[in-house]
Amino acid sequence: MKFLTLEQALIIAAEVTPEASFGGQEFYQGFEAKAAVFCELNNYTLTSTDDDAVAFMLEVAAGAMGVDEATQWLRARLSERGAGEQ
């Protein structure tokens, strides 16, 4: 069995998830919902303060943070949940 890296999974999710719908209604509306589902399905937790998360979103929205920087930001804050954690 081959496991995907986080980057590979995000690329696949970006290609497939936006098209996931029924009757013209997306299953998971908005980036936030898609990201939350991705983390849940892949057993990851994102740990960040509210201020840190808002600053991240504003930088991304303003185009002040590129893909590499955003990837580093996420890597620093994503952690895989241990067995038995919810």
PDB file of N, CA and C in Angstrom:
ATOM      1  N   MET A   1       0.839  -1.159   0.000  1.00  0.00           N
ATOM      2  CA  MET A   1       0.000   0.000   0.000  1.00  0.00           C
ATOM      3  C   MET A   1       0.890   1.228   0.000  1.00  0.00           C
ATOM      4  N   LYS A   2       0.567   2.198  -0.842  1.00  0.00           N
ATOM      5  CA  LYS A   2       1.332   3.433  -0.913  1.00  0.00           C
ATOM      6  C   LYS A   2       0.557   4.540  -0.213  1.00  0.00           C
ATOM      7  N   PHE A   3       1.239   5.273   0.643  1.00  0.00           N
ATOM      8  CA  PHE A   3       0.623   6.398   1.328  1.00  0.00           C
ATOM      9  C   PHE A   3       1.015   7.685   0.621  1.00  0.00           C
ATOM     10  N   LEU A   4       0.093   8.629   0.597  1.00  0.00           N
ATOM     11  CA  LEU A   4       0.356   9.920  -0.018  1.00  0.00           C
ATOM     12  C   LEU A   4       0.978  10.871   0.987  1.00  0.00           C
ATOM     13  N   THR A   5       1.788  11.781   0.480  1.00  0.00           N
ATOM     14  CA  THR A   5       2.269  12.858   1.337  1.00  0.00           C
ATOM     15  C   THR A   5       1.118  13.853   1.486  1.00  0.00           C
ATOM     16  N   LEU A   6       1.225  14.746   2.467  1.00  0.00           N
ATOM     17  CA  LEU A   6       0.203  15.766   2.659  1.00  0.00           C
ATOM     18  C   LEU A   6       0.063  16.623   1.407  1.00  0.00           C
ATOM     19  N   GLU A   7       1.195  16.984   0.795  1.00  0.00           N
ATOM     20  CA  GLU A   7       1.148  17.803  -0.416  1.00  0.00           C
ATOM     21  C   GLU A   7       0.414  17.083  -1.550  1.00  0.00           C
ATOM     22  N   GLN A   8       0.686  15.796  -1.727  1.00  0.00           N
ATOM     23  CA  GLN A   8       0.013  15.036  -2.778  1.00  0.00           C
ATOM     24  C   GLN A   8      -1.488  14.953  -2.515  1.00  0.00           C
ATOM     25  N   ALA A   9      -1.851  14.727  -1.264  1.00  0.00           N
ATOM     26  CA  ALA A   9      -3.266  14.639  -0.914  1.00  0.00           C
ATOM     27  C   ALA A   9      -3.975  15.964  -1.143  1.00  0.00           C
ATOM     28  N   LEU A  10      -3.318  17.075  -0.807  1.00  0.00           N
ATOM     29  CA  LEU A  10      -3.927  18.388  -1.022  1.00  0.00           C
ATOM     30  C   LEU A  10      -4.124  18.685  -2.505  1.00  0.00           C
ATOM     31  N   ILE A  11      -3.178  18.253  -3.325  1.00  0.00           N
ATOM     32  CA  ILE A  11      -3.313  18.446  -4.773  1.00  0.00           C
ATOM     33  C   ILE A  11      -4.505  17.654  -5.299  1.00  0.00           C
ATOM     34  N   ILE A  12      -4.628  16.413  -4.867  1.00  0.00           N
ATOM     35  CA  ILE A  12      -5.761  15.581  -5.302  1.00  0.00           C
ATOM     36  C   ILE A  12      -7.067  16.177  -4.796  1.00  0.00           C
ATOM     37  N   ALA A  13      -7.089  16.593  -3.539  1.00  0.00           N
ATOM     38  CA  ALA A  13      -8.308  17.177  -2.967  1.00  0.00           C
ATOM     39  C   ALA A  13      -8.704  18.441  -3.716  1.00  0.00           C
ATOM     40  N   ALA A  14      -7.722  19.245  -4.090  1.00  0.00           N
ATOM     41  CA  ALA A  14      -8.019  20.477  -4.824  1.00  0.00           C
ATOM     42  C   ALA A  14      -8.641  20.178  -6.176  1.00  0.00           C
ATOM     43  N   GLU A  15      -8.250  19.058  -6.768  1.00  0.00           N
ATOM     44  CA  GLU A  15      -8.799  18.676  -8.067  1.00  0.00           C
ATOM     45  C   GLU A  15     -10.180  18.041  -7.962  1.00  0.00           C
ATOM     46  N   VAL A  16     -10.413  17.261  -6.922  1.00  0.00           N
ATOM     47  CA  VAL A  16     -11.629  16.461  -6.822  1.00  0.00           C
ATOM     48  C   VAL A  16     -12.709  17.111  -5.972  1.00  0.00           C
ATOM     49  N   THR A  17     -12.356  17.626  -4.821  1.00  0.00           N
ATOM     50  CA  THR A  17     -13.345  18.106  -3.861  1.00  0.00           C
ATOM     51  C   THR A  17     -14.271  19.185  -4.407  1.00  0.00           C
ATOM     52  N   PRO A  18     -13.774  20.185  -5.141  1.00  0.00           N
ATOM     53  CA  PRO A  18     -14.708  21.204  -5.630  1.00  0.00           C
ATOM     54  C   PRO A  18     -15.827  20.646  -6.509  1.00  0.00           C
ATOM     55  N   GLU A  19     -15.584  19.494  -7.102  1.00  0.00           N
ATOM     56  CA  GLU A  19     -16.585  18.897  -7.981  1.00  0.00           C
ATOM     57  C   GLU A  19     -17.554  17.985  -7.240  1.00  0.00           C
ATOM     58  N   ALA A  20     -17.297  17.719  -5.964  1.00  0.00           N
ATOM     59  CA  ALA A  20     -18.156  16.824  -5.191  1.00  0.00           C
ATOM     60  C   ALA A  20     -19.470  17.527  -4.883  1.00  0.00           C
ATOM     61  N   SER A  21     -20.512  17.091  -5.568  1.00  0.00           N
ATOM     62  CA  SER A  21     -21.809  17.734  -5.376  1.00  0.00           C
ATOM     63  C   SER A  21     -22.923  16.769  -5.758  1.00  0.00           C
ATOM     64  N   PHE A  22     -24.118  17.161  -5.398  1.00  0.00           N
ATOM     65  CA  PHE A  22     -25.307  16.407  -5.785  1.00  0.00           C
ATOM     66  C   PHE A  22     -26.393  17.413  -6.084  1.00  0.00           C
ATOM     67  N   GLY A  23     -26.976  17.312  -7.254  1.00  0.00           N
ATOM     68  CA  GLY A  23     -28.031  18.244  -7.640  1.00  0.00           C
ATOM     69  C   GLY A  23     -27.571  19.686  -7.678  1.00  0.00           C
ATOM     70  N   GLY A  24     -26.290  19.901  -8.015  1.00  0.00           N
ATOM     71  CA  GLY A  24     -25.758  21.249  -8.100  1.00  0.00           C
ATOM     72  C   GLY A  24     -25.360  21.842  -6.757  1.00  0.00           C
ATOM     73  N   GLN A  25     -25.526  21.101  -5.675  1.00  0.00           N
ATOM     74  CA  GLN A  25     -25.180  21.575  -4.335  1.00  0.00           C
ATOM     75  C   GLN A  25     -23.888  20.902  -3.880  1.00  0.00           C
ATOM     76  N   GLU A  26     -22.871  21.714  -3.547  1.00  0.00           N
ATOM     77  CA  GLU A  26     -21.610  21.143  -3.064  1.00  0.00           C
ATOM     78  C   GLU A  26     -21.830  20.445  -1.738  1.00  0.00           C
ATOM     79  N   PHE A  27     -21.135  19.322  -1.549  1.00  0.00           N
ATOM     80  CA  PHE A  27     -21.219  18.609  -0.271  1.00  0.00           C
ATOM     81  C   PHE A  27     -20.635  19.442   0.850  1.00  0.00           C
ATOM     82  N   TYR A  28     -19.482  20.054   0.599  1.00  0.00           N
ATOM     83  CA  TYR A  28     -18.799  20.856   1.610  1.00  0.00           C
ATOM     84  C   TYR A  28     -18.566  22.238   1.020  1.00  0.00           C
ATOM     85  N   GLN A  29     -19.401  23.188   1.424  1.00  0.00           N
ATOM     86  CA  GLN A  29     -19.335  24.521   0.845  1.00  0.00           C
ATOM     87  C   GLN A  29     -18.254  25.349   1.510  1.00  0.00           C
ATOM     88  N   GLY A  30     -17.403  25.939   0.701  1.00  0.00           N
ATOM     89  CA  GLY A  30     -16.357  26.816   1.185  1.00  0.00           C
ATOM     90  C   GLY A  30     -15.077  26.070   1.501  1.00  0.00           C
ATOM     91  N   PHE A  31     -13.994  26.801   1.390  1.00  0.00           N
ATOM     92  CA  PHE A  31     -12.678  26.234   1.641  1.00  0.00           C
ATOM     93  C   PHE A  31     -12.557  25.708   3.061  1.00  0.00           C
ATOM     94  N   GLU A  32     -13.111  26.445   4.021  1.00  0.00           N
ATOM     95  CA  GLU A  32     -12.986  26.068   5.420  1.00  0.00           C
ATOM     96  C   GLU A  32     -13.581  24.682   5.678  1.00  0.00           C
ATOM     97  N   ALA A  33     -14.756  24.443   5.123  1.00  0.00           N
ATOM     98  CA  ALA A  33     -15.418  23.149   5.307  1.00  0.00           C
ATOM     99  C   ALA A  33     -14.610  22.033   4.650  1.00  0.00           C
ATOM    100  N   LYS A  34     -14.083  22.298   3.472  1.00  0.00           N
ATOM    101  CA  LYS A  34     -13.274  21.291   2.775  1.00  0.00           C
ATOM    102  C   LYS A  34     -12.006  20.981   3.567  1.00  0.00           C
ATOM    103  N   ALA A  35     -11.357  22.014   4.089  1.00  0.00           N
ATOM    104  CA  ALA A  35     -10.136  21.809   4.877  1.00  0.00           C
ATOM    105  C   ALA A  35     -10.434  21.035   6.159  1.00  0.00           C
ATOM    106  N   ALA A  36     -11.560  21.357   6.802  1.00  0.00           N
ATOM    107  CA  ALA A  36     -11.936  20.664   8.041  1.00  0.00           C
ATOM    108  C   ALA A  36     -12.196  19.187   7.770  1.00  0.00           C
ATOM    109  N   VAL A  37     -12.890  18.894   6.682  1.00  0.00           N
ATOM    110  CA  VAL A  37     -13.169  17.503   6.327  1.00  0.00           C
ATOM    111  C   VAL A  37     -11.869  16.776   6.000  1.00  0.00           C
ATOM    112  N   PHE A  38     -10.986  17.445   5.261  1.00  0.00           N
ATOM    113  CA  PHE A  38      -9.701  16.821   4.936  1.00  0.00           C
ATOM    114  C   PHE A  38      -8.949  16.452   6.211  1.00  0.00           C
ATOM    115  N   CYS A  39      -8.867  17.402   7.150  1.00  0.00           N
ATOM    116  CA  CYS A  39      -8.148  17.139   8.408  1.00  0.00           C
ATOM    117  C   CYS A  39      -8.805  16.007   9.182  1.00  0.00           C
ATOM    118  N   GLU A  40     -10.112  16.010   9.242  1.00  0.00           N
ATOM    119  CA  GLU A  40     -10.831  14.970   9.986  1.00  0.00           C
ATOM    120  C   GLU A  40     -10.604  13.593   9.364  1.00  0.00           C
ATOM    121  N   LEU A  41     -10.739  13.516   8.060  1.00  0.00           N
ATOM    122  CA  LEU A  41     -10.586  12.235   7.377  1.00  0.00           C
ATOM    123  C   LEU A  41      -9.161  11.702   7.447  1.00  0.00           C
ATOM    124  N   ASN A  42      -8.201  12.597   7.556  1.00  0.00           N
ATOM    125  CA  ASN A  42      -6.799  12.189   7.559  1.00  0.00           C
ATOM    126  C   ASN A  42      -6.172  12.241   8.947  1.00  0.00           C
ATOM    127  N   ASN A  43      -7.031  12.391   9.972  1.00  0.00           N
ATOM    128  CA  ASN A  43      -6.595  12.299  11.362  1.00  0.00           C
ATOM    129  C   ASN A  43      -5.603  13.394  11.761  1.00  0.00           C
ATOM    130  N   TYR A  44      -5.832  14.621  11.286  1.00  0.00           N
ATOM    131  CA  TYR A  44      -4.976  15.751  11.620  1.00  0.00           C
ATOM    132  C   TYR A  44      -5.731  16.772  12.452  1.00  0.00           C
ATOM    133  N   THR A  45      -4.988  17.467  13.293  1.00  0.00           N
ATOM    134  CA  THR A  45      -5.514  18.568  14.076  1.00  0.00           C
ATOM    135  C   THR A  45      -4.709  19.811  13.724  1.00  0.00           C
ATOM    136  N   LEU A  46      -5.388  20.930  13.517  1.00  0.00           N
ATOM    137  CA  LEU A  46      -4.731  22.201  13.261  1.00  0.00           C
ATOM    138  C   LEU A  46      -4.763  23.004  14.547  1.00  0.00           C
ATOM    139  N   THR A  47      -3.578  23.371  15.046  1.00  0.00           N
ATOM    140  CA  THR A  47      -3.484  24.111  16.293  1.00  0.00           C
ATOM    141  C   THR A  47      -2.971  25.517  15.991  1.00  0.00           C
ATOM    142  N   SER A  48      -3.794  26.510  16.325  1.00  0.00           N
ATOM    143  CA  SER A  48      -3.434  27.894  16.068  1.00  0.00           C
ATOM    144  C   SER A  48      -4.278  28.794  16.961  1.00  0.00           C
ATOM    145  N   THR A  49      -3.736  29.935  17.319  1.00  0.00           N
ATOM    146  CA  THR A  49      -4.561  30.917  18.032  1.00  0.00           C
ATOM    147  C   THR A  49      -5.482  31.575  17.016  1.00  0.00           C
ATOM    148  N   ASP A  50      -6.539  32.186  17.506  1.00  0.00           N
ATOM    149  CA  ASP A  50      -7.451  32.895  16.607  1.00  0.00           C
ATOM    150  C   ASP A  50      -6.721  34.012  15.858  1.00  0.00           C
ATOM    151  N   ASP A  51      -5.895  34.777  16.580  1.00  0.00           N
ATOM    152  CA  ASP A  51      -5.168  35.885  15.950  1.00  0.00           C
ATOM    153  C   ASP A  51      -4.214  35.382  14.873  1.00  0.00           C
ATOM    154  N   ASP A  52      -3.532  34.276  15.145  1.00  0.00           N
ATOM    155  CA  ASP A  52      -2.606  33.686  14.183  1.00  0.00           C
ATOM    156  C   ASP A  52      -3.354  33.217  12.938  1.00  0.00           C
ATOM    157  N   ALA A  53      -4.495  32.569  13.135  1.00  0.00           N
ATOM    158  CA  ALA A  53      -5.293  32.078  12.006  1.00  0.00           C
ATOM    159  C   ALA A  53      -5.827  33.229  11.162  1.00  0.00           C
ATOM    160  N   VAL A  54      -6.291  34.280  11.806  1.00  0.00           N
ATOM    161  CA  VAL A  54      -6.808  35.449  11.077  1.00  0.00           C
ATOM    162  C   VAL A  54      -5.688  36.111  10.279  1.00  0.00           C
ATOM    163  N   ALA A  55      -4.519  36.272  10.895  1.00  0.00           N
ATOM    164  CA  ALA A  55      -3.383  36.863  10.183  1.00  0.00           C
ATOM    165  C   ALA A  55      -3.009  36.027   8.967  1.00  0.00           C
ATOM    166  N   PHE A  56      -3.027  34.701   9.129  1.00  0.00           N
ATOM    167  CA  PHE A  56      -2.735  33.792   8.020  1.00  0.00           C
ATOM    168  C   PHE A  56      -3.732  33.997   6.881  1.00  0.00           C
ATOM    169  N   MET A  57      -5.012  33.993   7.210  1.00  0.00           N
ATOM    170  CA  MET A  57      -6.048  34.142   6.175  1.00  0.00           C
ATOM    171  C   MET A  57      -5.944  35.491   5.471  1.00  0.00           C
ATOM    172  N   LEU A  58      -5.678  36.548   6.220  1.00  0.00           N
ATOM    173  CA  LEU A  58      -5.562  37.878   5.613  1.00  0.00           C
ATOM    174  C   LEU A  58      -4.360  37.967   4.682  1.00  0.00           C
ATOM    175  N   GLU A  59      -3.241  37.372   5.088  1.00  0.00           N
ATOM    176  CA  GLU A  59      -2.059  37.368   4.224  1.00  0.00           C
ATOM    177  C   GLU A  59      -2.306  36.588   2.945  1.00  0.00           C
ATOM    178  N   VAL A  60      -2.954  35.432   3.067  1.00  0.00           N
ATOM    179  CA  VAL A  60      -3.270  34.630   1.881  1.00  0.00           C
ATOM    180  C   VAL A  60      -4.224  35.405   0.972  1.00  0.00           C
ATOM    181  N   ALA A  61      -5.274  35.979   1.550  1.00  0.00           N
ATOM    182  CA  ALA A  61      -6.266  36.719   0.768  1.00  0.00           C
ATOM    183  C   ALA A  61      -5.659  37.926   0.062  1.00  0.00           C
ATOM    184  N   ALA A  62      -4.682  38.570   0.710  1.00  0.00           N
ATOM    185  CA  ALA A  62      -4.046  39.750   0.125  1.00  0.00           C
ATOM    186  C   ALA A  62      -2.975  39.386  -0.898  1.00  0.00           C
ATOM    187  N   GLY A  63      -2.672  38.103  -1.008  1.00  0.00           N
ATOM    188  CA  GLY A  63      -1.634  37.673  -1.928  1.00  0.00           C
ATOM    189  C   GLY A  63      -0.237  37.910  -1.384  1.00  0.00           C
ATOM    190  N   ALA A  64      -0.154  38.173  -0.076  1.00  0.00           N
ATOM    191  CA  ALA A  64       1.135  38.453   0.551  1.00  0.00           C
ATOM    192  C   ALA A  64       1.859  37.190   0.980  1.00  0.00           C
ATOM    193  N   MET A  65       1.182  36.051   0.914  1.00  0.00           N
ATOM    194  CA  MET A  65       1.792  34.784   1.297  1.00  0.00           C
ATOM    195  C   MET A  65       1.649  33.815   0.133  1.00  0.00           C
ATOM    196  N   GLY A  66       2.780  33.301  -0.321  1.00  0.00           N
ATOM    197  CA  GLY A  66       2.776  32.362  -1.426  1.00  0.00           C
ATOM    198  C   GLY A  66       2.510  30.941  -0.960  1.00  0.00           C
ATOM    199  N   VAL A  67       2.473  30.035  -1.898  1.00  0.00           N
ATOM    200  CA  VAL A  67       2.184  28.634  -1.614  1.00  0.00           C
ATOM    201  C   VAL A  67       3.228  28.037  -0.675  1.00  0.00           C
ATOM    202  N   ASP A  68       4.506  28.325  -0.920  1.00  0.00           N
ATOM    203  CA  ASP A  68       5.553  27.756  -0.068  1.00  0.00           C
ATOM    204  C   ASP A  68       5.420  28.233   1.373  1.00  0.00           C
ATOM    205  N   GLU A  69       5.161  29.527   1.554  1.00  0.00           N
ATOM    206  CA  GLU A  69       4.999  30.071   2.904  1.00  0.00           C
ATOM    207  C   GLU A  69       3.756  29.493   3.581  1.00  0.00           C
ATOM    208  N   ALA A  70       2.663  29.383   2.829  1.00  0.00           N
ATOM    209  CA  ALA A  70       1.430  28.824   3.390  1.00  0.00           C
ATOM    210  C   ALA A  70       1.639  27.359   3.782  1.00  0.00           C
ATOM    211  N   THR A  71       2.374  26.632   2.963  1.00  0.00           N
ATOM    212  CA  THR A  71       2.669  25.237   3.269  1.00  0.00           C
ATOM    213  C   THR A  71       3.474  25.135   4.559  1.00  0.00           C
ATOM    214  N   GLN A  72       4.474  25.997   4.715  1.00  0.00           N
ATOM    215  CA  GLN A  72       5.280  25.997   5.939  1.00  0.00           C
ATOM    216  C   GLN A  72       4.426  26.342   7.160  1.00  0.00           C
ATOM    217  N   TRP A  73       3.532  27.323   7.000  1.00  0.00           N
ATOM    218  CA  TRP A  73       2.654  27.727   8.097  1.00  0.00           C
ATOM    219  C   TRP A  73       1.787  26.544   8.535  1.00  0.00           C
ATOM    220  N   LEU A  74       1.201  25.848   7.568  1.00  0.00           N
ATOM    221  CA  LEU A  74       0.351  24.705   7.876  1.00  0.00           C
ATOM    222  C   LEU A  74       1.141  23.559   8.494  1.00  0.00           C
ATOM    223  N   ARG A  75       2.301  23.265   7.933  1.00  0.00           N
ATOM    224  CA  ARG A  75       3.133  22.173   8.474  1.00  0.00           C
ATOM    225  C   ARG A  75       3.481  22.414   9.941  1.00  0.00           C
ATOM    226  N   ALA A  76       3.740  23.672  10.281  1.00  0.00           N
ATOM    227  CA  ALA A  76       4.118  24.007  11.650  1.00  0.00           C
ATOM    228  C   ALA A  76       2.948  23.842  12.624  1.00  0.00           C
ATOM    229  N   ARG A  77       1.724  23.841  12.112  1.00  0.00           N
ATOM    230  CA  ARG A  77       0.550  23.821  12.979  1.00  0.00           C
ATOM    231  C   ARG A  77      -0.308  22.567  12.877  1.00  0.00           C
ATOM    232  N   LEU A  78      -0.014  21.731  11.893  1.00  0.00           N
ATOM    233  CA  LEU A  78      -0.749  20.473  11.746  1.00  0.00           C
ATOM    234  C   LEU A  78      -0.056  19.373  12.532  1.00  0.00           C
ATOM    235  N   SER A  79      -0.837  18.599  13.220  1.00  0.00           N
ATOM    236  CA  SER A  79      -0.276  17.439  13.911  1.00  0.00           C
ATOM    237  C   SER A  79      -1.224  16.268  13.736  1.00  0.00           C
ATOM    238  N   GLU A  80      -0.640  15.100  13.596  1.00  0.00           N
ATOM    239  CA  GLU A  80      -1.439  13.892  13.460  1.00  0.00           C
ATOM    240  C   GLU A  80      -1.936  13.477  14.827  1.00  0.00           C
ATOM    241  N   ARG A  81      -3.226  13.205  14.913  1.00  0.00           N
ATOM    242  CA  ARG A  81      -3.795  12.769  16.194  1.00  0.00           C
ATOM    243  C   ARG A  81      -3.315  11.368  16.522  1.00  0.00           C
ATOM    244  N   GLY A  82      -3.032  11.150  17.787  1.00  0.00           N
ATOM    245  CA  GLY A  82      -2.605   9.828  18.242  1.00  0.00           C
ATOM    246  C   GLY A  82      -3.791   8.889  18.319  1.00  0.00           C
ATOM    247  N   ALA A  83      -3.521   7.636  18.448  1.00  0.00           N
ATOM    248  CA  ALA A  83      -4.563   6.620  18.562  1.00  0.00           C
ATOM    249  C   ALA A  83      -5.444   6.944  19.767  1.00  0.00           C
ATOM    250  N   GLY A  84      -6.735   6.913  19.548  1.00  0.00           N
ATOM    251  CA  GLY A  84      -7.693   7.137  20.611  1.00  0.00           C
ATOM    252  C   GLY A  84      -8.089   8.579  20.831  1.00  0.00           C
ATOM    253  N   GLU A  85      -7.377   9.552  20.216  1.00  0.00           N
ATOM    254  CA  GLU A  85      -7.761  10.949  20.365  1.00  0.00           C
ATOM    255  C   GLU A  85      -8.949  11.252  19.471  1.00  0.00           C
ATOM    256  N   GLN A  86      -9.737  12.190  19.862  1.00  0.00           N
ATOM    257  CA  GLN A  86     -10.909  12.577  19.063  1.00  0.00           C
ATOM    258  C   GLN A  86     -10.742  13.979  18.540  1.00  0.00           C
TER     259      GLN A  86
END
